[in-house]
Amino acid sequence: MINPPPLDFTKVEKLRKQMLLTTGDMSTLLGISRMTYYGWVRGKPIRNSNDARVRRTLKQLLFILCEHNWPTPDVIAMSQKDRFAKLQALTTP
């Protein structure tokens, strides 16, 4: 099996900002610490044990961004806490 190319965290950061997520929110969704997330943004490699899960979560977020037109005006008007709770509800299977 061919390994996928490494994730480009400059694009992940753009996604995070477009979805109005804090770094802490994104870390929670990815199941990692904020320090790990910051390391990835700075170019540290992702462990194989995290890679598949992170890619799955990013695909979910892209789906929500496109199919749910995230963030909608009502989502933008929410508090950060409520916005994150709504997003978590959409990402939970």
C-alpha atoms as a PDB file:
ATOM      1  CA  MET A   1       0.000   0.000   0.000  1.00  0.00           C
ATOM      2  CA  ILE A   2       1.325   3.443  -0.918  1.00  0.00           C
ATOM      3  CA  ASN A   3       1.571   5.988   1.885  1.00  0.00           C
ATOM      4  CA  PRO A   4      -0.469   9.145   1.305  1.00  0.00           C
ATOM      5  CA  PRO A   5       1.422  12.431   1.018  1.00  0.00           C
ATOM      6  CA  PRO A   6       1.982  14.264   4.301  1.00  0.00           C
ATOM      7  CA  LEU A   7      -0.777  16.606   5.416  1.00  0.00           C
ATOM      8  CA  ASP A   8      -0.228  20.279   4.636  1.00  0.00           C
ATOM      9  CA  PHE A   9      -1.007  22.022   7.895  1.00  0.00           C
ATOM     10  CA  THR A  10      -1.066  25.457   6.271  1.00  0.00           C
ATOM     11  CA  LYS A  11      -4.248  24.187   4.589  1.00  0.00           C
ATOM     12  CA  VAL A  12      -5.496  22.673   7.841  1.00  0.00           C
ATOM     13  CA  GLU A  13      -4.988  26.064   9.495  1.00  0.00           C
ATOM     14  CA  LYS A  14      -7.004  27.751   6.727  1.00  0.00           C
ATOM     15  CA  LEU A  15      -9.781  25.214   7.280  1.00  0.00           C
ATOM     16  CA  ARG A  16      -9.681  25.817  11.048  1.00  0.00           C
ATOM     17  CA  LYS A  17      -9.991  29.566  10.600  1.00  0.00           C
ATOM     18  CA  GLN A  18     -12.714  29.316   7.947  1.00  0.00           C
ATOM     19  CA  MET A  19     -14.740  27.092  10.244  1.00  0.00           C
ATOM     20  CA  LEU A  20     -14.289  29.612  13.100  1.00  0.00           C
ATOM     21  CA  LEU A  21     -12.511  27.091  15.328  1.00  0.00           C
ATOM     22  CA  THR A  22      -9.987  27.882  18.006  1.00  0.00           C
ATOM     23  CA  THR A  23      -6.763  25.908  18.124  1.00  0.00           C
ATOM     24  CA  GLY A  24      -8.127  24.155  21.197  1.00  0.00           C
ATOM     25  CA  ASP A  25     -11.330  23.232  19.358  1.00  0.00           C
ATOM     26  CA  MET A  26      -9.401  21.803  16.414  1.00  0.00           C
ATOM     27  CA  SER A  27      -7.135  19.858  18.754  1.00  0.00           C
ATOM     28  CA  THR A  28     -10.151  18.385  20.531  1.00  0.00           C
ATOM     29  CA  LEU A  29     -11.748  17.351  17.236  1.00  0.00           C
ATOM     30  CA  LEU A  30      -8.489  15.721  16.112  1.00  0.00           C
ATOM     31  CA  GLY A  31      -8.073  13.956  19.472  1.00  0.00           C
ATOM     32  CA  ILE A  32      -4.689  15.512  20.267  1.00  0.00           C
ATOM     33  CA  SER A  33      -3.195  18.130  22.569  1.00  0.00           C
ATOM     34  CA  ARG A  34      -2.802  21.751  21.534  1.00  0.00           C
ATOM     35  CA  MET A  35       0.972  21.360  21.807  1.00  0.00           C
ATOM     36  CA  THR A  36       0.865  18.457  19.348  1.00  0.00           C
ATOM     37  CA  TYR A  37      -1.261  20.533  16.977  1.00  0.00           C
ATOM     38  CA  TYR A  38       1.170  23.469  17.207  1.00  0.00           C
ATOM     39  CA  GLY A  39       4.017  21.050  16.479  1.00  0.00           C
ATOM     40  CA  TRP A  40       2.280  19.811  13.343  1.00  0.00           C
ATOM     41  CA  VAL A  41       1.665  23.388  12.201  1.00  0.00           C
ATOM     42  CA  ARG A  42       5.406  24.001  12.614  1.00  0.00           C
ATOM     43  CA  GLY A  43       6.166  20.939  10.491  1.00  0.00           C
ATOM     44  CA  LYS A  44       6.674  18.090  12.956  1.00  0.00           C
ATOM     45  CA  PRO A  45       5.693  14.741  11.439  1.00  0.00           C
ATOM     46  CA  ILE A  46       2.461  13.007  12.390  1.00  0.00           C
ATOM     47  CA  ARG A  47       2.780   9.558  13.916  1.00  0.00           C
ATOM     48  CA  ASN A  48       1.305   6.774  11.844  1.00  0.00           C
ATOM     49  CA  SER A  49      -1.029   6.008  14.748  1.00  0.00           C
ATOM     50  CA  ASN A  50      -2.585   9.493  14.424  1.00  0.00           C
ATOM     51  CA  ASP A  51      -2.505   9.935  10.659  1.00  0.00           C
ATOM     52  CA  ALA A  52      -5.591   7.922   9.646  1.00  0.00           C
ATOM     53  CA  ARG A  53      -7.754   9.388  12.419  1.00  0.00           C
ATOM     54  CA  VAL A  54      -6.701  12.955  11.591  1.00  0.00           C
ATOM     55  CA  ARG A  55      -7.407  12.440   7.884  1.00  0.00           C
ATOM     56  CA  ARG A  56     -10.847  10.987   8.687  1.00  0.00           C
ATOM     57  CA  THR A  57     -11.702  13.960  10.883  1.00  0.00           C
ATOM     58  CA  LEU A  58     -10.480  16.463   8.292  1.00  0.00           C
ATOM     59  CA  LYS A  59     -12.649  14.766   5.645  1.00  0.00           C
ATOM     60  CA  GLN A  60     -15.642  15.100   7.996  1.00  0.00           C
ATOM     61  CA  LEU A  61     -14.895  18.792   8.509  1.00  0.00           C
ATOM     62  CA  LEU A  62     -14.594  19.388   4.765  1.00  0.00           C
ATOM     63  CA  PHE A  63     -17.912  17.608   4.259  1.00  0.00           C
ATOM     64  CA  ILE A  64     -19.562  19.822   6.888  1.00  0.00           C
ATOM     65  CA  LEU A  65     -18.006  22.919   5.342  1.00  0.00           C
ATOM     66  CA  CYS A  66     -19.354  22.052   1.876  1.00  0.00           C
ATOM     67  CA  GLU A  67     -22.602  20.194   2.521  1.00  0.00           C
ATOM     68  CA  HIS A  68     -23.823  22.180   5.538  1.00  0.00           C
ATOM     69  CA  ASN A  69     -22.472  25.521   4.265  1.00  0.00           C
ATOM     70  CA  TRP A  70     -20.617  25.917   7.547  1.00  0.00           C
ATOM     71  CA  PRO A  71     -20.612  28.438   9.096  1.00  0.00           C
ATOM     72  CA  THR A  72     -24.151  29.569   8.399  1.00  0.00           C
ATOM     73  CA  PRO A  73     -25.249  33.009   9.635  1.00  0.00           C
ATOM     74  CA  ASP A  74     -26.941  31.489  12.695  1.00  0.00           C
ATOM     75  CA  VAL A  75     -23.728  29.589  13.521  1.00  0.00           C
ATOM     76  CA  ILE A  76     -21.660  32.761  13.138  1.00  0.00           C
ATOM     77  CA  ALA A  77     -23.962  34.502  15.631  1.00  0.00           C
ATOM     78  CA  MET A  78     -23.431  31.786  18.269  1.00  0.00           C
ATOM     79  CA  SER A  79     -20.930  31.948  21.081  1.00  0.00           C
ATOM     80  CA  GLN A  80     -17.721  29.997  20.495  1.00  0.00           C
ATOM     81  CA  LYS A  81     -18.813  27.362  23.004  1.00  0.00           C
ATOM     82  CA  ASP A  82     -22.215  26.847  21.350  1.00  0.00           C
ATOM     83  CA  ARG A  83     -20.698  26.866  17.849  1.00  0.00           C
ATOM     84  CA  PHE A  84     -18.238  24.152  18.852  1.00  0.00           C
ATOM     85  CA  ALA A  85     -20.994  22.068  20.474  1.00  0.00           C
ATOM     86  CA  LYS A  86     -23.052  22.255  17.270  1.00  0.00           C
ATOM     87  CA  LEU A  87     -20.046  21.230  15.189  1.00  0.00           C
ATOM     88  CA  GLN A  88     -19.272  18.335  17.524  1.00  0.00           C
ATOM     89  CA  ALA A  89     -22.856  17.120  17.117  1.00  0.00           C
ATOM     90  CA  LEU A  90     -22.357  17.075  13.349  1.00  0.00           C
ATOM     91  CA  THR A  91     -19.064  15.176  13.568  1.00  0.00           C
ATOM     92  CA  THR A  92     -20.284  12.519  15.979  1.00  0.00           C
ATOM     93  CA  PRO A  93     -21.367   9.376  14.118  1.00  0.00           C
END
